[in-house]
Amino acid sequence: MPVTLYHNPRCSKSRQTLALLQEHDVDVQIIEYLKTPPDETTLRDLLQRLELSVDELMRKGETEYREARSELDSMTEPQRVAWLAANPRVLQRPIVVSGDRARIGRPPEAVLEILDL
């Protein structure tokens, strides 16, 4: 079964996760999410597979997040998903999807628990 990696090649954890998948000969479909951001439907699907809230999928140290913090506090969950779709730099990374499960690769080894190795 192919595995999808939402990848940022400039992120060390993302590169480490990709290397780990390659070491295990995993068939990886790489999506560079800054070039091809996930849309709202994809984000909702990721949230369900990750079993996280949209707030847990946001990188709170990013400038975009800090600048929009008060605005985000007054948004509904669907509005936050739309905001995240429009601001992909804030997305936690890397995200690995295998079947109906997903994990954030922090640490990279966390993704191994969803793979059928």
N, C-alpha and C. Protein backbone atom coordinates (compact mmCIF):
# COMPACT_ATOMS: atom_id res chain seq x y z
N MET A 1 0.86 -1.18 0.00
CA MET A 1 0.00 0.00 0.00
C MET A 1 0.90 1.24 0.00
N PRO A 2 0.68 2.15 -0.95
CA PRO A 2 1.50 3.36 -0.95
C PRO A 2 1.23 4.23 0.28
N VAL A 3 2.28 4.90 0.68
CA VAL A 3 2.22 5.79 1.83
C VAL A 3 2.41 7.20 1.33
N THR A 4 1.66 8.14 1.87
CA THR A 4 1.77 9.54 1.47
C THR A 4 2.51 10.30 2.55
N LEU A 5 3.47 11.12 2.11
CA LEU A 5 4.24 11.96 3.02
C LEU A 5 3.99 13.42 2.64
N TYR A 6 3.40 14.18 3.56
CA TYR A 6 3.29 15.63 3.39
C TYR A 6 4.61 16.19 3.88
N HIS A 7 5.41 16.67 2.94
CA HIS A 7 6.83 16.90 3.14
C HIS A 7 7.23 18.34 2.89
N ASN A 8 8.16 18.80 3.73
CA ASN A 8 8.83 20.09 3.50
C ASN A 8 10.32 19.77 3.48
N PRO A 9 10.95 19.81 2.30
CA PRO A 9 12.36 19.42 2.21
C PRO A 9 13.30 20.31 3.02
N ARG A 10 12.86 21.48 3.45
CA ARG A 10 13.69 22.36 4.26
C ARG A 10 13.63 22.02 5.75
N CYS A 11 12.73 21.11 6.13
CA CYS A 11 12.53 20.74 7.54
C CYS A 11 13.34 19.48 7.85
N SER A 12 14.17 19.55 8.88
CA SER A 12 15.02 18.40 9.22
C SER A 12 14.19 17.18 9.63
N LYS A 13 13.12 17.37 10.39
CA LYS A 13 12.28 16.24 10.79
C LYS A 13 11.60 15.60 9.58
N SER A 14 11.22 16.42 8.62
CA SER A 14 10.61 15.91 7.40
C SER A 14 11.63 15.09 6.59
N ARG A 15 12.84 15.60 6.48
CA ARG A 15 13.89 14.87 5.77
C ARG A 15 14.22 13.57 6.49
N GLN A 16 14.28 13.61 7.82
CA GLN A 16 14.56 12.40 8.60
C GLN A 16 13.45 11.36 8.44
N THR A 17 12.21 11.83 8.39
CA THR A 17 11.08 10.91 8.22
C THR A 17 11.13 10.27 6.84
N LEU A 18 11.42 11.05 5.81
CA LEU A 18 11.55 10.50 4.46
C LEU A 18 12.67 9.46 4.42
N ALA A 19 13.81 9.77 5.02
CA ALA A 19 14.93 8.82 5.04
C ALA A 19 14.53 7.52 5.75
N LEU A 20 13.80 7.65 6.85
CA LEU A 20 13.36 6.48 7.61
C LEU A 20 12.43 5.61 6.75
N LEU A 21 11.50 6.23 6.05
CA LEU A 21 10.60 5.48 5.17
C LEU A 21 11.39 4.79 4.07
N GLN A 22 12.36 5.49 3.49
CA GLN A 22 13.17 4.89 2.43
C GLN A 22 14.01 3.74 2.96
N GLU A 23 14.53 3.86 4.19
CA GLU A 23 15.31 2.77 4.80
C GLU A 23 14.47 1.50 4.94
N HIS A 24 13.17 1.68 5.14
CA HIS A 24 12.26 0.54 5.29
C HIS A 24 11.62 0.14 3.96
N ASP A 25 12.16 0.66 2.85
CA ASP A 25 11.66 0.34 1.50
C ASP A 25 10.16 0.59 1.35
N VAL A 26 9.69 1.66 1.95
CA VAL A 26 8.28 2.03 1.85
C VAL A 26 8.06 2.78 0.53
N ASP A 27 7.01 2.41 -0.19
CA ASP A 27 6.62 3.10 -1.42
C ASP A 27 5.98 4.43 -1.01
N VAL A 28 6.70 5.53 -1.21
CA VAL A 28 6.29 6.83 -0.69
C VAL A 28 5.85 7.75 -1.82
N GLN A 29 4.64 8.29 -1.67
CA GLN A 29 4.18 9.37 -2.54
C GLN A 29 4.46 10.67 -1.77
N ILE A 30 5.31 11.53 -2.32
CA ILE A 30 5.70 12.75 -1.63
C ILE A 30 4.86 13.91 -2.15
N ILE A 31 4.26 14.61 -1.20
CA ILE A 31 3.53 15.84 -1.53
C ILE A 31 4.24 16.98 -0.81
N GLU A 32 4.86 17.85 -1.58
CA GLU A 32 5.48 19.03 -0.98
C GLU A 32 4.35 20.03 -0.73
N TYR A 33 3.87 20.04 0.51
CA TYR A 33 2.63 20.74 0.82
C TYR A 33 2.73 22.26 0.70
N LEU A 34 3.93 22.82 0.64
CA LEU A 34 4.03 24.26 0.41
C LEU A 34 3.82 24.58 -1.06
N LYS A 35 4.16 23.64 -1.95
CA LYS A 35 3.93 23.81 -3.39
C LYS A 35 2.52 23.39 -3.78
N THR A 36 2.02 22.35 -3.11
CA THR A 36 0.68 21.80 -3.37
C THR A 36 -0.05 21.68 -2.04
N PRO A 37 -0.58 22.80 -1.53
CA PRO A 37 -1.22 22.76 -0.20
C PRO A 37 -2.48 21.90 -0.19
N PRO A 38 -2.70 21.20 0.93
CA PRO A 38 -3.94 20.44 1.05
C PRO A 38 -5.14 21.38 1.15
N ASP A 39 -6.21 21.01 0.47
CA ASP A 39 -7.43 21.83 0.54
C ASP A 39 -8.19 21.50 1.82
N GLU A 40 -9.31 22.16 2.02
CA GLU A 40 -10.09 21.98 3.25
C GLU A 40 -10.56 20.54 3.42
N THR A 41 -11.00 19.92 2.34
CA THR A 41 -11.48 18.54 2.42
C THR A 41 -10.34 17.62 2.83
N THR A 42 -9.18 17.81 2.25
CA THR A 42 -8.01 16.99 2.59
C THR A 42 -7.61 17.22 4.05
N LEU A 43 -7.63 18.46 4.50
CA LEU A 43 -7.29 18.75 5.89
C LEU A 43 -8.26 18.08 6.85
N ARG A 44 -9.56 18.13 6.55
CA ARG A 44 -10.54 17.47 7.42
C ARG A 44 -10.28 15.96 7.47
N ASP A 45 -9.93 15.39 6.32
CA ASP A 45 -9.61 13.97 6.27
C ASP A 45 -8.36 13.67 7.11
N LEU A 46 -7.33 14.50 6.99
CA LEU A 46 -6.11 14.33 7.79
C LEU A 46 -6.42 14.43 9.28
N LEU A 47 -7.23 15.40 9.65
CA LEU A 47 -7.59 15.57 11.06
C LEU A 47 -8.28 14.32 11.61
N GLN A 48 -9.16 13.74 10.82
CA GLN A 48 -9.86 12.53 11.25
C GLN A 48 -8.87 11.38 11.40
N ARG A 49 -7.99 11.21 10.44
CA ARG A 49 -7.01 10.11 10.50
C ARG A 49 -6.02 10.30 11.64
N LEU A 50 -5.65 11.56 11.89
CA LEU A 50 -4.71 11.87 12.97
C LEU A 50 -5.38 11.86 14.34
N GLU A 51 -6.71 11.98 14.35
CA GLU A 51 -7.49 12.10 15.58
C GLU A 51 -7.04 13.33 16.38
N LEU A 52 -6.93 14.45 15.66
CA LEU A 52 -6.52 15.72 16.26
C LEU A 52 -7.53 16.80 15.95
N SER A 53 -7.49 17.87 16.74
CA SER A 53 -8.27 19.06 16.40
C SER A 53 -7.42 19.91 15.46
N VAL A 54 -8.05 20.83 14.78
CA VAL A 54 -7.30 21.68 13.86
C VAL A 54 -6.25 22.49 14.61
N ASP A 55 -6.54 22.88 15.85
CA ASP A 55 -5.54 23.64 16.63
C ASP A 55 -4.29 22.81 16.87
N GLU A 56 -4.45 21.50 17.06
CA GLU A 56 -3.30 20.63 17.30
C GLU A 56 -2.47 20.42 16.03
N LEU A 57 -3.03 20.73 14.88
CA LEU A 57 -2.34 20.56 13.61
C LEU A 57 -1.60 21.83 13.19
N MET A 58 -1.69 22.87 14.02
CA MET A 58 -1.04 24.14 13.69
C MET A 58 0.27 24.30 14.45
N ARG A 59 1.25 24.83 13.76
CA ARG A 59 2.55 25.16 14.35
C ARG A 59 2.43 26.56 14.95
N LYS A 60 2.35 26.61 16.25
CA LYS A 60 2.05 27.87 16.92
C LYS A 60 3.22 28.85 16.95
N GLY A 61 4.41 28.41 16.58
CA GLY A 61 5.56 29.30 16.55
C GLY A 61 5.71 30.06 15.24
N GLU A 62 4.93 29.69 14.24
CA GLU A 62 5.04 30.36 12.93
C GLU A 62 4.48 31.78 13.00
N THR A 63 5.11 32.67 12.26
CA THR A 63 4.71 34.08 12.23
C THR A 63 3.24 34.23 11.85
N GLU A 64 2.80 33.48 10.83
CA GLU A 64 1.41 33.60 10.37
C GLU A 64 0.43 33.27 11.50
N TYR A 65 0.78 32.25 12.28
CA TYR A 65 -0.09 31.87 13.39
C TYR A 65 -0.12 32.97 14.45
N ARG A 66 1.05 33.45 14.83
CA ARG A 66 1.11 34.47 15.89
C ARG A 66 0.37 35.74 15.46
N GLU A 67 0.49 36.11 14.20
CA GLU A 67 -0.18 37.32 13.72
C GLU A 67 -1.70 37.15 13.66
N ALA A 68 -2.16 35.93 13.47
CA ALA A 68 -3.61 35.69 13.34
C ALA A 68 -4.23 35.14 14.62
N ARG A 69 -3.47 35.06 15.69
CA ARG A 69 -3.93 34.41 16.93
C ARG A 69 -5.29 34.92 17.41
N SER A 70 -5.45 36.22 17.54
CA SER A 70 -6.72 36.73 18.06
C SER A 70 -7.86 36.46 17.08
N GLU A 71 -7.58 36.53 15.80
CA GLU A 71 -8.59 36.22 14.78
C GLU A 71 -8.97 34.74 14.86
N LEU A 72 -7.99 33.87 15.02
CA LEU A 72 -8.25 32.43 15.10
C LEU A 72 -9.09 32.07 16.31
N ASP A 73 -8.85 32.77 17.42
CA ASP A 73 -9.60 32.49 18.65
C ASP A 73 -11.10 32.69 18.48
N SER A 74 -11.50 33.57 17.58
CA SER A 74 -12.93 33.83 17.39
C SER A 74 -13.53 33.01 16.24
N MET A 75 -12.74 32.15 15.62
CA MET A 75 -13.23 31.34 14.49
C MET A 75 -13.80 30.02 14.96
N THR A 76 -14.73 29.50 14.16
CA THR A 76 -15.23 28.15 14.37
C THR A 76 -14.20 27.15 13.84
N GLU A 77 -14.37 25.90 14.17
CA GLU A 77 -13.45 24.86 13.66
C GLU A 77 -13.40 24.85 12.12
N PRO A 78 -14.54 24.87 11.41
CA PRO A 78 -14.48 24.91 9.95
C PRO A 78 -13.75 26.16 9.43
N GLN A 79 -13.91 27.28 10.09
CA GLN A 79 -13.20 28.48 9.66
C GLN A 79 -11.69 28.34 9.88
N ARG A 80 -11.31 27.69 10.97
CA ARG A 80 -9.88 27.45 11.22
C ARG A 80 -9.29 26.51 10.17
N VAL A 81 -10.06 25.50 9.77
CA VAL A 81 -9.59 24.60 8.71
C VAL A 81 -9.37 25.39 7.43
N ALA A 82 -10.30 26.26 7.09
CA ALA A 82 -10.16 27.09 5.89
C ALA A 82 -8.93 27.99 6.00
N TRP A 83 -8.72 28.56 7.18
CA TRP A 83 -7.55 29.41 7.40
C TRP A 83 -6.27 28.61 7.23
N LEU A 84 -6.23 27.40 7.78
CA LEU A 84 -5.04 26.56 7.66
C LEU A 84 -4.79 26.18 6.20
N ALA A 85 -5.84 25.90 5.45
CA ALA A 85 -5.69 25.59 4.03
C ALA A 85 -5.06 26.76 3.29
N ALA A 86 -5.37 27.97 3.71
CA ALA A 86 -4.82 29.18 3.07
C ALA A 86 -3.44 29.55 3.60
N ASN A 87 -3.02 28.91 4.69
CA ASN A 87 -1.73 29.22 5.33
C ASN A 87 -0.96 27.92 5.61
N PRO A 88 -0.53 27.21 4.57
CA PRO A 88 0.06 25.88 4.76
C PRO A 88 1.38 25.88 5.54
N ARG A 89 2.06 27.01 5.63
CA ARG A 89 3.31 27.04 6.42
C ARG A 89 3.05 26.70 7.89
N VAL A 90 1.82 26.90 8.34
CA VAL A 90 1.47 26.67 9.74
C VAL A 90 1.19 25.18 10.02
N LEU A 91 1.04 24.39 8.98
CA LEU A 91 0.72 22.97 9.12
C LEU A 91 1.87 22.22 9.79
N GLN A 92 1.52 21.40 10.80
CA GLN A 92 2.52 20.52 11.42
C GLN A 92 3.14 19.65 10.34
N ARG A 93 4.40 19.30 10.51
CA ARG A 93 5.08 18.49 9.52
C ARG A 93 6.09 17.59 10.19
N PRO A 94 6.43 16.54 9.51
CA PRO A 94 5.78 15.94 8.33
C PRO A 94 4.57 15.11 8.77
N ILE A 95 3.69 14.87 7.84
CA ILE A 95 2.54 14.01 8.10
C ILE A 95 2.65 12.81 7.16
N VAL A 96 2.51 11.62 7.74
CA VAL A 96 2.53 10.39 6.96
C VAL A 96 1.15 9.76 7.04
N VAL A 97 0.62 9.37 5.88
CA VAL A 97 -0.69 8.73 5.80
C VAL A 97 -0.51 7.34 5.22
N SER A 98 -1.08 6.36 5.90
CA SER A 98 -1.07 4.98 5.43
C SER A 98 -2.45 4.40 5.67
N GLY A 99 -3.18 4.13 4.60
CA GLY A 99 -4.54 3.63 4.74
C GLY A 99 -5.40 4.65 5.45
N ASP A 100 -6.09 4.21 6.50
CA ASP A 100 -6.98 5.13 7.22
C ASP A 100 -6.31 5.73 8.45
N ARG A 101 -4.99 5.58 8.54
CA ARG A 101 -4.25 6.11 9.68
C ARG A 101 -3.22 7.14 9.24
N ALA A 102 -2.88 8.02 10.15
CA ALA A 102 -1.86 9.04 9.87
C ALA A 102 -1.13 9.37 11.16
N ARG A 103 0.10 9.84 11.01
CA ARG A 103 0.90 10.28 12.16
C ARG A 103 1.75 11.47 11.73
N ILE A 104 2.02 12.32 12.70
CA ILE A 104 2.98 13.40 12.51
C ILE A 104 4.35 12.83 12.88
N GLY A 105 5.34 13.07 12.05
CA GLY A 105 6.67 12.51 12.26
C GLY A 105 7.51 13.30 13.23
N ARG A 106 7.01 13.48 14.43
CA ARG A 106 7.75 14.15 15.50
C ARG A 106 7.62 13.31 16.76
N PRO A 107 8.57 12.46 17.03
CA PRO A 107 9.79 12.19 16.29
C PRO A 107 9.51 11.36 15.04
N PRO A 108 10.46 11.29 14.11
CA PRO A 108 10.22 10.55 12.86
C PRO A 108 9.77 9.11 13.09
N GLU A 109 10.28 8.46 14.13
CA GLU A 109 9.93 7.06 14.40
C GLU A 109 8.45 6.86 14.71
N ALA A 110 7.76 7.93 15.06
CA ALA A 110 6.32 7.83 15.36
C ALA A 110 5.53 7.30 14.18
N VAL A 111 6.01 7.53 12.96
CA VAL A 111 5.25 7.10 11.78
C VAL A 111 5.31 5.58 11.60
N LEU A 112 6.30 4.94 12.19
CA LEU A 112 6.43 3.49 12.00
C LEU A 112 5.24 2.72 12.57
N GLU A 113 4.57 3.27 13.59
CA GLU A 113 3.46 2.53 14.21
C GLU A 113 2.25 2.39 13.30
N ILE A 114 2.17 3.14 12.22
CA ILE A 114 1.01 3.01 11.32
C ILE A 114 1.35 2.23 10.05
N LEU A 115 2.61 1.80 9.94
CA LEU A 115 3.03 1.09 8.73
C LEU A 115 2.98 -0.41 8.95
N ASP A 116 2.64 -1.13 7.92
CA ASP A 116 2.62 -2.59 7.98
C ASP A 116 3.99 -3.10 7.53
N LEU A 117 4.93 -3.08 8.45
CA LEU A 117 6.30 -3.49 8.12
C LEU A 117 6.56 -4.91 8.56
